[in-house]
Amino acid sequence: MKMPVYFISHGGGPWPYMPEAQESNALLAASLREIPAQLPRHPTAVLMVSAHWETPGTFTVMGHPHPPMVYDYYGFPAHTYQVHYSAAGMPALADRVADLLRAASLPVEIDRERGFDHGAFAPLVVMYPDADVPVVQLSIDAGYDPALHVALGRALAPLRDEDVLILGSGLSYHNLRNMGPGGARPSAQFDDWLQQVLVQGSLEQRVGHLQNWSSAPAARLAHPREDHLIPLMVAVGAAETEAATCVYHETRAFGSITASSFRFG
């Protein structure tokens, strides 16, 4: 049985390292802790496609054997700029990813200096607190073309038969200027559309709907800038013909926001 693929809503900043944020993220944390038990086997590695690493005109894969940390957030407690997620990298997987992308005529580079951003280490420290699974990150393209990222997922699909866990890490709603009560309605409207397209809808029509996501109800209110939605396209491309299951859903994320995560396969 091949590995499933996930699109996860990763929460805000370095929340797992903040006791005051753990209670408000309890449902998200529970869903992340459950993922390893949902897998058919212990993965050989995680390939993480994070919304927080964008590269223009090419995809870039992390090739560092011992990735450092990228503290890409602002205004959080001082200790969160000292945390360290100690998972190893896997240069051999980085090379494999690069080969798959080149075979699909997709532009790719290997960055042997890049470290883990919080879109990667925040959910992973909950999923694998012992950091005992190697992790390789892969960037999204800064042009945010949905079709390009579906094609990226298709190119990565063979990794599922090699026991690599592909994770797309973003947020199903990401409007930083409207994370309070004003975001309740648009986040719920867009989440309803995601549920219809991903879980309830036709597999044959799923990619087409996602490529036209900006026509969905409240789409640009939910994602004024779609960086946190694009990892979903990669996940769908990697499991194009397989059904989706909602594995995390709440209506009070960040106090007022509807948020979801999905498993494919």
Protein backbone atom coordinates (compact mmCIF):
# COMPACT_ATOMS: atom_id res chain seq x y z
CA MET A 1 0.00 0.00 0.00
CA LYS A 2 1.43 3.38 -1.02
CA MET A 3 1.75 6.28 1.38
CA PRO A 4 -1.17 8.69 1.60
CA VAL A 5 -0.61 12.39 0.97
CA TYR A 6 -1.72 15.24 3.24
CA PHE A 7 -2.56 18.90 3.05
CA ILE A 8 -2.32 20.25 6.58
CA SER A 9 -3.33 23.56 8.08
CA HIS A 10 -0.23 24.23 10.16
CA GLY A 11 -1.47 26.86 12.62
CA GLY A 12 0.15 30.17 13.49
CA GLY A 13 3.89 30.67 13.94
CA PRO A 14 5.80 28.51 16.46
CA TRP A 15 2.68 27.61 18.43
CA PRO A 16 3.80 24.13 19.63
CA TYR A 17 6.62 25.79 21.57
CA MET A 18 4.26 28.20 23.37
CA PRO A 19 2.32 26.77 26.33
CA GLU A 20 -0.17 29.63 26.09
CA ALA A 21 -0.97 28.62 22.47
CA GLN A 22 -1.21 24.88 22.96
CA GLU A 23 -4.71 24.92 24.47
CA SER A 24 -6.16 26.99 21.63
CA ASN A 25 -4.55 24.63 19.13
CA ALA A 26 -5.60 21.41 20.87
CA LEU A 27 -7.73 20.10 17.99
CA LEU A 28 -5.01 20.81 15.46
CA ALA A 29 -2.40 19.14 17.67
CA ALA A 30 -4.58 16.05 18.09
CA SER A 31 -5.02 15.74 14.32
CA LEU A 32 -1.29 16.02 13.71
CA ARG A 33 -0.47 13.42 16.37
CA GLU A 34 -2.89 11.01 14.68
CA ILE A 35 -1.22 11.15 11.26
CA PRO A 36 1.64 8.69 11.99
CA ALA A 37 -0.90 6.07 13.11
CA GLN A 38 -2.83 6.50 9.85
CA LEU A 39 0.16 5.47 7.73
CA PRO A 40 0.65 1.92 6.50
CA ARG A 41 4.31 1.97 7.60
CA HIS A 42 6.84 4.20 9.28
CA PRO A 43 7.97 6.54 6.49
CA THR A 44 11.55 6.52 5.28
CA ALA A 45 11.37 10.32 5.02
CA VAL A 46 9.01 13.28 4.88
CA LEU A 47 8.93 15.51 1.83
CA MET A 48 7.53 18.81 3.09
CA VAL A 49 6.09 21.38 0.69
CA SER A 50 5.75 24.47 2.88
CA ALA A 51 3.92 27.69 2.07
CA HIS A 52 6.81 29.52 3.71
CA TRP A 53 9.41 28.75 1.07
CA GLU A 54 8.83 30.42 -2.27
CA THR A 55 11.32 30.53 -5.15
CA PRO A 56 10.78 32.42 -8.42
CA GLY A 57 10.89 30.54 -11.68
CA THR A 58 12.08 27.21 -10.32
CA PHE A 59 11.44 24.66 -7.64
CA THR A 60 14.18 24.25 -5.06
CA VAL A 61 14.80 21.20 -2.92
CA MET A 62 16.67 21.16 0.38
CA GLY A 63 19.90 19.18 0.20
CA HIS A 64 21.39 19.92 3.64
CA PRO A 65 22.19 16.73 5.61
CA HIS A 66 21.56 18.49 8.95
CA PRO A 67 19.18 21.35 8.22
CA PRO A 68 19.44 24.48 10.38
CA MET A 69 16.45 26.58 11.45
CA VAL A 70 14.74 29.49 9.69
CA TYR A 71 12.87 31.64 12.22
CA ASP A 72 10.54 33.22 9.68
CA TYR A 73 8.08 34.87 12.07
CA TYR A 74 7.87 38.09 14.01
CA GLY A 75 6.68 39.24 17.42
CA PHE A 76 6.77 35.89 19.21
CA PRO A 77 8.41 35.15 22.60
CA ALA A 78 12.20 35.27 22.66
CA HIS A 79 12.59 31.56 23.39
CA THR A 80 10.88 30.65 20.10
CA TYR A 81 13.94 32.01 18.28
CA GLN A 82 16.12 29.44 20.01
CA VAL A 83 14.10 26.28 19.35
CA HIS A 84 15.64 23.53 17.25
CA TYR A 85 14.01 20.65 15.39
CA SER A 86 16.78 18.12 15.01
CA ALA A 87 15.51 15.88 12.19
CA ALA A 88 18.17 14.91 9.69
CA GLY A 89 17.97 15.86 6.07
CA MET A 90 18.34 13.32 3.29
CA PRO A 91 20.51 14.47 0.38
CA ALA A 92 19.77 11.25 -1.51
CA LEU A 93 16.05 12.09 -1.45
CA ALA A 94 16.82 15.63 -2.60
CA ASP A 95 18.64 14.16 -5.59
CA ARG A 96 15.74 11.78 -6.26
CA VAL A 97 13.25 14.67 -6.17
CA ALA A 98 15.41 16.67 -8.56
CA ASP A 99 15.59 13.72 -10.96
CA LEU A 100 11.80 13.28 -10.90
CA LEU A 101 11.22 16.97 -11.63
CA ARG A 102 13.73 17.03 -14.46
CA ALA A 103 12.10 13.95 -15.97
CA ALA A 104 8.80 15.88 -15.92
CA SER A 105 10.48 18.91 -17.55
CA LEU A 106 10.03 21.00 -14.41
CA PRO A 107 12.79 23.43 -13.40
CA VAL A 108 14.59 22.45 -10.21
CA GLU A 109 17.63 23.37 -8.16
CA ILE A 110 19.14 21.94 -4.97
CA ASP A 111 19.91 24.28 -2.07
CA ARG A 112 22.41 22.70 0.29
CA GLU A 113 22.21 25.52 2.88
CA ARG A 114 18.47 25.96 3.45
CA GLY A 115 16.96 25.09 6.85
CA PHE A 116 13.51 24.28 8.25
CA ASP A 117 10.92 27.08 8.25
CA HIS A 118 8.02 27.08 10.67
CA GLY A 119 5.63 25.69 8.06
CA ALA A 120 7.73 22.55 8.38
CA PHE A 121 9.01 22.35 11.94
CA ALA A 122 5.86 23.51 13.75
CA PRO A 123 3.65 20.62 12.57
CA LEU A 124 6.51 18.11 12.50
CA VAL A 125 7.44 18.62 16.15
CA VAL A 126 3.89 17.54 17.00
CA MET A 127 3.80 14.65 14.53
CA TYR A 128 7.31 13.35 15.20
CA PRO A 129 8.52 14.88 18.47
CA ASP A 130 11.57 12.60 18.53
CA ALA A 131 12.63 13.96 15.12
CA ASP A 132 13.34 10.38 14.05
CA VAL A 133 12.17 10.75 10.43
CA PRO A 134 14.46 12.52 7.94
CA VAL A 135 12.89 15.60 6.36
CA VAL A 136 13.48 17.29 3.02
CA GLN A 137 11.72 20.53 2.11
CA LEU A 138 10.63 21.53 -1.38
CA SER A 139 9.71 25.09 -2.33
CA ILE A 140 6.64 26.35 -4.12
CA ASP A 141 6.98 28.56 -7.18
CA ALA A 142 6.40 32.23 -6.41
CA GLY A 143 4.06 32.57 -9.40
CA TYR A 144 1.43 30.42 -7.62
CA ASP A 145 0.19 28.78 -10.84
CA PRO A 146 -2.21 26.03 -9.71
CA ALA A 147 -1.67 23.88 -12.80
CA LEU A 148 2.10 24.03 -12.37
CA HIS A 149 1.82 22.83 -8.78
CA VAL A 150 -0.58 20.02 -9.72
CA ALA A 151 2.06 18.97 -12.26
CA LEU A 152 4.66 19.11 -9.49
CA GLY A 153 2.55 16.74 -7.42
CA ARG A 154 2.18 14.36 -10.35
CA ALA A 155 5.96 14.29 -10.76
CA LEU A 156 6.40 13.48 -7.07
CA ALA A 157 3.82 10.69 -6.99
CA PRO A 158 6.33 7.81 -7.42
CA LEU A 159 7.80 8.70 -4.02
CA ARG A 160 4.65 7.33 -2.41
CA ASP A 161 5.70 3.82 -3.47
CA GLU A 162 9.10 4.49 -1.87
CA ASP A 163 7.58 5.12 1.58
CA VAL A 164 8.08 8.88 1.43
CA LEU A 165 5.34 10.86 3.18
CA ILE A 166 4.42 13.92 1.12
CA LEU A 167 3.00 16.77 3.19
CA GLY A 168 1.63 20.04 1.82
CA SER A 169 1.75 22.55 4.66
CA GLY A 170 -0.32 25.74 4.53
CA LEU A 171 -3.69 26.92 5.82
CA SER A 172 -7.14 26.43 4.39
CA TYR A 173 -7.80 30.11 5.28
CA HIS A 174 -5.01 32.68 5.33
CA ASN A 175 -5.98 36.33 5.52
CA LEU A 176 -3.79 37.89 8.18
CA ARG A 177 -5.77 41.14 8.08
CA ASN A 178 -9.01 39.35 8.85
CA MET A 179 -8.27 36.61 11.38
CA GLY A 180 -10.83 37.81 13.91
CA PRO A 181 -14.64 37.68 13.93
CA GLY A 182 -14.76 39.23 10.48
CA GLY A 183 -13.08 36.14 9.08
CA ALA A 184 -15.68 33.73 10.44
CA ARG A 185 -18.07 33.90 7.48
CA PRO A 186 -15.56 33.92 4.59
CA SER A 187 -13.51 31.13 6.15
CA ALA A 188 -16.65 29.01 6.55
CA GLN A 189 -17.79 29.74 3.00
CA PHE A 190 -14.45 28.81 1.47
CA ASP A 191 -14.14 25.75 3.68
CA ASP A 192 -17.58 24.56 2.55
CA TRP A 193 -16.36 24.82 -1.04
CA LEU A 194 -13.18 22.87 -0.20
CA GLN A 195 -15.21 20.12 1.43
CA GLN A 196 -17.50 19.89 -1.60
CA VAL A 197 -14.62 19.79 -4.09
CA LEU A 198 -12.20 17.57 -2.19
CA VAL A 199 -14.38 15.19 -0.16
CA GLN A 200 -17.81 15.14 -1.75
CA GLY A 201 -17.12 16.02 -5.36
CA SER A 202 -16.14 14.14 -8.49
CA LEU A 203 -12.54 13.00 -8.73
CA GLU A 204 -12.64 13.73 -12.45
CA GLN A 205 -13.59 17.35 -11.82
CA ARG A 206 -11.43 18.00 -8.75
CA VAL A 207 -8.33 19.34 -10.47
CA GLY A 208 -10.39 21.59 -12.74
CA HIS A 209 -12.19 23.11 -9.76
CA LEU A 210 -8.93 23.70 -7.93
CA GLN A 211 -7.33 25.34 -10.93
CA ASN A 212 -10.25 27.80 -10.87
CA TRP A 213 -10.22 28.18 -7.10
CA SER A 214 -10.41 31.98 -7.25
CA SER A 215 -14.01 31.68 -8.48
CA ALA A 216 -15.04 29.86 -5.30
CA PRO A 217 -17.23 31.59 -2.68
CA ALA A 218 -15.17 34.07 -0.63
CA ALA A 219 -12.00 32.87 -2.37
CA ARG A 220 -10.08 36.13 -2.33
CA LEU A 221 -11.31 36.94 1.16
CA ALA A 222 -9.94 33.59 2.30
CA HIS A 223 -6.70 33.86 0.34
CA PRO A 224 -5.80 37.40 -0.75
CA ARG A 225 -2.39 35.90 -1.51
CA GLU A 226 -2.61 32.17 -2.22
CA ASP A 227 0.76 31.02 -0.89
CA HIS A 228 -0.91 28.98 1.87
CA LEU A 229 -3.33 27.32 -0.56
CA ILE A 230 -0.80 26.28 -3.21
CA PRO A 231 0.59 23.28 -1.25
CA LEU A 232 -2.89 21.76 -1.59
CA MET A 233 -2.40 21.66 -5.36
CA VAL A 234 0.77 19.63 -4.90
CA ALA A 235 -0.96 17.16 -2.61
CA VAL A 236 -3.84 16.70 -5.05
CA GLY A 237 -1.46 16.20 -7.96
CA ALA A 238 0.38 13.48 -6.07
CA ALA A 239 -2.88 11.61 -5.39
CA GLU A 240 -4.92 12.70 -8.37
CA THR A 241 -7.23 9.70 -8.63
CA GLU A 242 -7.68 9.01 -4.92
CA ALA A 243 -10.42 10.03 -2.54
CA ALA A 244 -9.96 12.68 0.13
CA THR A 245 -10.84 12.57 3.81
CA CYS A 246 -11.07 15.57 6.12
CA VAL A 247 -8.76 14.78 9.04
CA TYR A 248 -8.99 18.08 10.92
CA HIS A 249 -11.84 20.57 11.07
CA GLU A 250 -12.78 23.28 13.50
CA THR A 251 -14.73 26.52 13.45
CA ARG A 252 -12.81 28.41 16.15
CA ALA A 253 -9.22 28.33 14.91
CA PHE A 254 -7.54 31.61 15.86
CA GLY A 255 -10.77 32.27 17.79
CA SER A 256 -13.18 32.59 14.86
CA ILE A 257 -11.82 30.84 11.79
CA THR A 258 -12.96 27.64 10.09
CA ALA A 259 -9.93 25.54 9.17
CA SER A 260 -9.42 22.05 7.78
CA SER A 261 -6.78 19.51 6.77
CA PHE A 262 -7.15 16.65 4.29
CA ARG A 263 -5.72 13.22 3.55
CA PHE A 264 -5.60 11.83 0.01
CA GLY A 265 -5.43 8.07 -0.40
